[in-house]
C-alpha atoms as a PDB file:
ATOM      1  CA  MET A   1     -74.932 162.750 -32.222  1.00  0.00           C
ATOM      2  CA  ASP A   2     -75.674 165.298 -29.324  1.00  0.00           C
ATOM      3  CA  LYS A   3     -72.759 167.711 -28.921  1.00  0.00           C
ATOM      4  CA  GLU A   4     -72.066 168.898 -25.250  1.00  0.00           C
ATOM      5  CA  VAL A   5     -72.988 172.711 -25.581  1.00  0.00           C
ATOM      6  CA  LYS A   6     -74.911 175.097 -23.664  1.00  0.00           C
ATOM      7  CA  ILE A   7     -76.605 177.695 -25.783  1.00  0.00           C
ATOM      8  CA  LEU A   8     -78.651 180.890 -25.390  1.00  0.00           C
ATOM      9  CA  VAL A   9     -80.495 182.261 -27.554  1.00  0.00           C
ATOM     10  CA  ILE A  10     -81.836 186.211 -26.810  1.00  0.00           C
ATOM     11  CA  ASP A  11     -83.953 187.164 -29.745  1.00  0.00           C
ATOM     12  CA  ASN A  12     -87.442 189.556 -28.525  1.00  0.00           C
ATOM     13  CA  ASN A  13     -88.053 188.527 -32.516  1.00  0.00           C
ATOM     14  CA  THR A  14     -89.411 184.886 -31.864  1.00  0.00           C
ATOM     15  CA  SER A  15     -89.356 183.314 -34.793  1.00  0.00           C
ATOM     16  CA  TYR A  16     -85.805 184.189 -36.042  1.00  0.00           C
ATOM     17  CA  ALA A  17     -85.264 182.883 -32.583  1.00  0.00           C
ATOM     18  CA  ARG A  18     -86.875 179.202 -33.135  1.00  0.00           C
ATOM     19  CA  LEU A  19     -85.193 179.343 -36.883  1.00  0.00           C
ATOM     20  CA  LEU A  20     -82.373 179.392 -35.313  1.00  0.00           C
ATOM     21  CA  LYS A  21     -82.761 176.877 -32.348  1.00  0.00           C
ATOM     22  CA  ARG A  22     -84.424 174.679 -35.332  1.00  0.00           C
ATOM     23  CA  GLU A  23     -80.873 174.832 -36.935  1.00  0.00           C
ATOM     24  CA  LEU A  24     -78.893 174.390 -34.404  1.00  0.00           C
ATOM     25  CA  LYS A  25     -80.651 170.891 -33.708  1.00  0.00           C
ATOM     26  CA  VAL A  26     -80.178 169.813 -37.108  1.00  0.00           C
ATOM     27  CA  GLY A  27     -76.096 170.277 -35.571  1.00  0.00           C
ATOM     28  CA  GLY A  28     -76.944 168.206 -32.806  1.00  0.00           C
ATOM     29  CA  TYR A  29     -77.003 170.982 -30.488  1.00  0.00           C
ATOM     30  CA  ASN A  30     -79.955 170.341 -28.215  1.00  0.00           C
ATOM     31  CA  ASP A  31     -79.121 172.277 -25.545  1.00  0.00           C
ATOM     32  CA  VAL A  32     -80.977 175.651 -26.482  1.00  0.00           C
ATOM     33  CA  ASN A  33     -82.735 178.211 -24.913  1.00  0.00           C
ATOM     34  CA  VAL A  34     -84.485 181.015 -26.105  1.00  0.00           C
ATOM     35  CA  PHE A  35     -85.239 184.027 -24.128  1.00  0.00           C
ATOM     36  CA  LYS A  36     -86.458 187.469 -25.341  1.00  0.00           C
ATOM     37  CA  SER A  37     -84.701 189.742 -23.213  1.00  0.00           C
ATOM     38  CA  GLY A  38     -81.540 190.787 -21.091  1.00  0.00           C
ATOM     39  CA  LYS A  39     -83.018 189.937 -17.613  1.00  0.00           C
ATOM     40  CA  GLU A  40     -83.669 185.970 -18.573  1.00  0.00           C
ATOM     41  CA  CYS A  41     -80.550 185.898 -20.047  1.00  0.00           C
ATOM     42  CA  MET A  42     -78.755 186.792 -16.924  1.00  0.00           C
ATOM     43  CA  ASP A  43     -81.158 184.717 -14.814  1.00  0.00           C
ATOM     44  CA  ASN A  44     -80.633 181.626 -16.943  1.00  0.00           C
ATOM     45  CA  LEU A  45     -76.522 182.256 -17.301  1.00  0.00           C
ATOM     46  CA  ALA A  46     -75.405 180.686 -13.785  1.00  0.00           C
ATOM     47  CA  SER A  47     -76.148 177.715 -15.597  1.00  0.00           C
ATOM     48  CA  GLY A  48     -72.502 177.160 -17.221  1.00  0.00           C
ATOM     49  CA  ILE A  49     -73.911 178.704 -20.335  1.00  0.00           C
ATOM     50  CA  ASP A  50     -71.019 178.098 -23.088  1.00  0.00           C
ATOM     51  CA  ILE A  51     -72.359 180.162 -26.202  1.00  0.00           C
ATOM     52  CA  ILE A  52     -74.695 183.283 -26.059  1.00  0.00           C
ATOM     53  CA  ILE A  53     -76.593 184.208 -29.392  1.00  0.00           C
ATOM     54  CA  LEU A  54     -77.434 187.712 -29.164  1.00  0.00           C
ATOM     55  CA  ASP A  55     -79.763 190.044 -31.039  1.00  0.00           C
ATOM     56  CA  TYR A  56     -78.325 193.623 -30.715  1.00  0.00           C
ATOM     57  CA  PHE A  57     -81.876 194.966 -29.985  1.00  0.00           C
ATOM     58  CA  LEU A  58     -83.658 193.502 -26.858  1.00  0.00           C
ATOM     59  CA  GLU A  59     -86.548 194.380 -25.377  1.00  0.00           C
ATOM     60  CA  ASP A  60     -85.293 195.749 -22.075  1.00  0.00           C
ATOM     61  CA  THR A  61     -81.524 196.634 -23.266  1.00  0.00           C
ATOM     62  CA  PHE A  62     -78.888 196.999 -25.770  1.00  0.00           C
ATOM     63  CA  GLY A  63     -77.175 193.615 -26.635  1.00  0.00           C
ATOM     64  CA  ALA A  64     -73.626 195.040 -26.258  1.00  0.00           C
ATOM     65  CA  CYS A  65     -74.815 196.249 -23.068  1.00  0.00           C
ATOM     66  CA  LEU A  66     -76.089 192.652 -21.899  1.00  0.00           C
ATOM     67  CA  MET A  67     -72.551 191.589 -23.379  1.00  0.00           C
ATOM     68  CA  LYS A  68     -70.689 193.635 -20.647  1.00  0.00           C
ATOM     69  CA  GLU A  69     -72.906 192.216 -18.001  1.00  0.00           C
ATOM     70  CA  VAL A  70     -72.122 188.641 -19.090  1.00  0.00           C
ATOM     71  CA  LYS A  71     -68.650 188.770 -19.774  1.00  0.00           C
ATOM     72  CA  LYS A  72     -68.408 189.715 -16.001  1.00  0.00           C
ATOM     73  CA  VAL A  73     -70.194 187.408 -14.768  1.00  0.00           C
ATOM     74  CA  SER A  74     -69.264 184.435 -17.578  1.00  0.00           C
ATOM     75  CA  PRO A  75     -65.861 185.803 -19.232  1.00  0.00           C
ATOM     76  CA  LEU A  76     -65.305 182.268 -21.077  1.00  0.00           C
ATOM     77  CA  THR A  77     -69.116 182.122 -22.608  1.00  0.00           C
ATOM     78  CA  LYS A  78     -68.757 183.277 -26.146  1.00  0.00           C
ATOM     79  CA  VAL A  79     -71.181 185.524 -27.727  1.00  0.00           C
ATOM     80  CA  ILE A  80     -72.076 185.565 -31.331  1.00  0.00           C
ATOM     81  CA  PHE A  81     -74.422 188.826 -32.416  1.00  0.00           C
ATOM     82  CA  PHE A  82     -76.910 188.011 -34.804  1.00  0.00           C
ATOM     83  CA  SER A  83     -78.875 191.020 -35.633  1.00  0.00           C
ATOM     84  CA  SER A  84     -79.978 192.902 -38.342  1.00  0.00           C
ATOM     85  CA  GLN A  85     -78.575 195.765 -37.517  1.00  0.00           C
ATOM     86  CA  THR A  86     -76.233 195.986 -41.100  1.00  0.00           C
ATOM     87  CA  ARG A  87     -74.573 199.515 -39.775  1.00  0.00           C
ATOM     88  CA  VAL A  88     -70.284 198.623 -39.795  1.00  0.00           C
ATOM     89  CA  GLY A  89     -69.858 200.977 -36.711  1.00  0.00           C
ATOM     90  CA  VAL A  90     -72.136 198.857 -34.573  1.00  0.00           C
ATOM     91  CA  ALA A  91     -70.270 195.442 -35.979  1.00  0.00           C
ATOM     92  CA  LEU A  92     -66.737 196.619 -34.759  1.00  0.00           C
ATOM     93  CA  PHE A  93     -68.484 198.271 -31.485  1.00  0.00           C
ATOM     94  CA  ALA A  94     -69.647 194.607 -30.445  1.00  0.00           C
ATOM     95  CA  MET A  95     -66.252 193.215 -31.663  1.00  0.00           C
ATOM     96  CA  LYS A  96     -64.324 195.274 -29.672  1.00  0.00           C
ATOM     97  CA  LEU A  97     -66.432 194.519 -26.860  1.00  0.00           C
ATOM     98  CA  GLY A  98     -65.275 191.107 -27.238  1.00  0.00           C
ATOM     99  CA  ALA A  99     -67.895 189.424 -29.371  1.00  0.00           C
ATOM    100  CA  PHE A 100     -66.469 186.255 -30.804  1.00  0.00           C
ATOM    101  CA  ALA A 101     -68.657 187.410 -34.074  1.00  0.00           C
ATOM    102  CA  TYR A 102     -71.058 189.622 -35.834  1.00  0.00           C
ATOM    103  CA  VAL A 103     -73.311 187.951 -38.204  1.00  0.00           C
ATOM    104  CA  GLU A 104     -76.000 190.338 -40.400  1.00  0.00           C
ATOM    105  CA  LYS A 105     -79.660 188.344 -39.479  1.00  0.00           C
ATOM    106  CA  LYS A 106     -80.707 186.988 -42.988  1.00  0.00           C
ATOM    107  CA  PRO A 107     -82.639 183.785 -43.728  1.00  0.00           C
ATOM    108  CA  LYS A 108     -79.478 182.373 -45.149  1.00  0.00           C
ATOM    109  CA  SER A 109     -77.254 183.349 -42.332  1.00  0.00           C
ATOM    110  CA  PHE A 110     -78.784 180.403 -40.162  1.00  0.00           C
ATOM    111  CA  LYS A 111     -76.203 177.917 -41.414  1.00  0.00           C
ATOM    112  CA  ARG A 112     -73.242 180.620 -41.036  1.00  0.00           C
ATOM    113  CA  VAL A 113     -73.771 180.874 -37.330  1.00  0.00           C
ATOM    114  CA  ARG A 114     -74.260 177.366 -36.620  1.00  0.00           C
ATOM    115  CA  ALA A 115     -70.508 177.286 -38.292  1.00  0.00           C
ATOM    116  CA  LEU A 116     -69.915 179.105 -35.698  1.00  0.00           C
ATOM    117  CA  VAL A 117     -71.303 177.343 -32.721  1.00  0.00           C
ATOM    118  CA  ASN A 118     -69.052 174.375 -34.318  1.00  0.00           C
ATOM    119  CA  ARG A 119     -65.985 176.192 -34.046  1.00  0.00           C
ATOM    120  CA  VAL A 120     -66.619 177.592 -30.897  1.00  0.00           C
ATOM    121  CA  GLN A 121     -67.346 173.773 -29.514  1.00  0.00           C
ATOM    122  CA  LYS A 122     -64.410 172.720 -31.145  1.00  0.00           C
ATOM    123  CA  HIS A 123     -62.055 175.335 -29.375  1.00  0.00           C
ATOM    124  CA  ASN A 124     -63.945 174.668 -26.369  1.00  0.00           C
ATOM    125  CA  GLN A 125     -62.944 170.392 -26.879  1.00  0.00           C
ATOM    126  CA  LYS A 126     -59.486 171.407 -27.338  1.00  0.00           C
ATOM    127  CA  GLN A 127     -59.152 173.989 -24.244  1.00  0.00           C
ATOM    128  CA  LYS A 128     -60.846 171.078 -22.117  1.00  0.00           C
ATOM    129  CA  GLU A 129     -58.192 168.717 -23.282  1.00  0.00           C
ATOM    130  CA  ILE A 130     -55.611 171.343 -22.702  1.00  0.00           C
ATOM    131  CA  ASN A 131     -56.582 171.125 -19.082  1.00  0.00           C
ATOM    132  CA  GLN A 132     -56.447 168.078 -18.600  1.00  0.00           C
ATOM    133  CA  ILE A 133     -53.058 167.112 -19.861  1.00  0.00           C
ATOM    134  CA  ARG A 134     -51.820 170.323 -17.187  1.00  0.00           C
ATOM    135  CA  ILE A 135     -53.574 168.637 -14.216  1.00  0.00           C
ATOM    136  CA  LEU A 136     -52.128 165.128 -15.550  1.00  0.00           C
ATOM    137  CA  LYS A 137     -48.527 167.084 -15.510  1.00  0.00           C
ATOM    138  CA  HIS A 138     -49.340 168.612 -12.040  1.00  0.00           C
ATOM    139  CA  LEU A 139     -50.245 165.344 -10.516  1.00  0.00           C
ATOM    140  CA  THR A 140     -47.461 163.563 -12.346  1.00  0.00           C
ATOM    141  CA  LEU A 141     -45.147 166.082 -10.566  1.00  0.00           C
ATOM    142  CA  LEU A 142     -46.703 165.501  -7.288  1.00  0.00           C
ATOM    143  CA  PHE A 143     -46.732 161.903  -7.304  1.00  0.00           C
ATOM    144  CA  PHE A 144     -42.801 161.865  -7.909  1.00  0.00           C
ATOM    145  CA  ILE A 145     -41.792 164.717  -5.567  1.00  0.00           C
ATOM    146  CA  SER A 146     -43.757 162.646  -2.850  1.00  0.00           C
ATOM    147  CA  LEU A 147     -42.374 159.159  -3.729  1.00  0.00           C
ATOM    148  CA  SER A 148     -38.968 161.013  -3.584  1.00  0.00           C
ATOM    149  CA  ILE A 149     -40.067 162.510  -0.012  1.00  0.00           C
ATOM    150  CA  TYR A 150     -41.043 158.663   0.750  1.00  0.00           C
ATOM    151  CA  LEU A 151     -37.717 157.403  -0.636  1.00  0.00           C
ATOM    152  CA  ALA A 152     -35.498 159.951   1.586  1.00  0.00           C
ATOM    153  CA  PHE A 153     -37.423 159.073   4.770  1.00  0.00           C
ATOM    154  CA  LEU A 154     -37.209 155.609   4.316  1.00  0.00           C
ATOM    155  CA  THR A 155     -33.000 155.635   3.844  1.00  0.00           C
ATOM    156  CA  HIS A 156     -32.881 157.933   6.776  1.00  0.00           C
END
């Protein structure tokens, strides 16, 4: 089953990126694009990206700097760091900047990243449902206000 989530994987290690893309496809995520640099990420951000899976060290920038730029342009995009950086300080710094999660890059971590993507997807789906309910509530209220005005007009 195709899951309607747009994902960017930004990693200068193309073998890890391809493995991660394959793992996400196994999970039903087919809209996954892989890029090597922060510039490529920013160039493709305008197309409504839900999740960015980001390495800490890229060809042209640090992942934390890129995440700051992403959040300025697309604050609802969730960022999951998937990096070989194992220092706790790096992970804490990324989380303080607003990362959704930080996963150490190991061969067995791909399933964990997919589980995190599943969590984001479910959260986004719930948010869409809540927004639809809010819109319906406002439309219902507008309908009854309009009806009241119309009935008041008819009685005068």
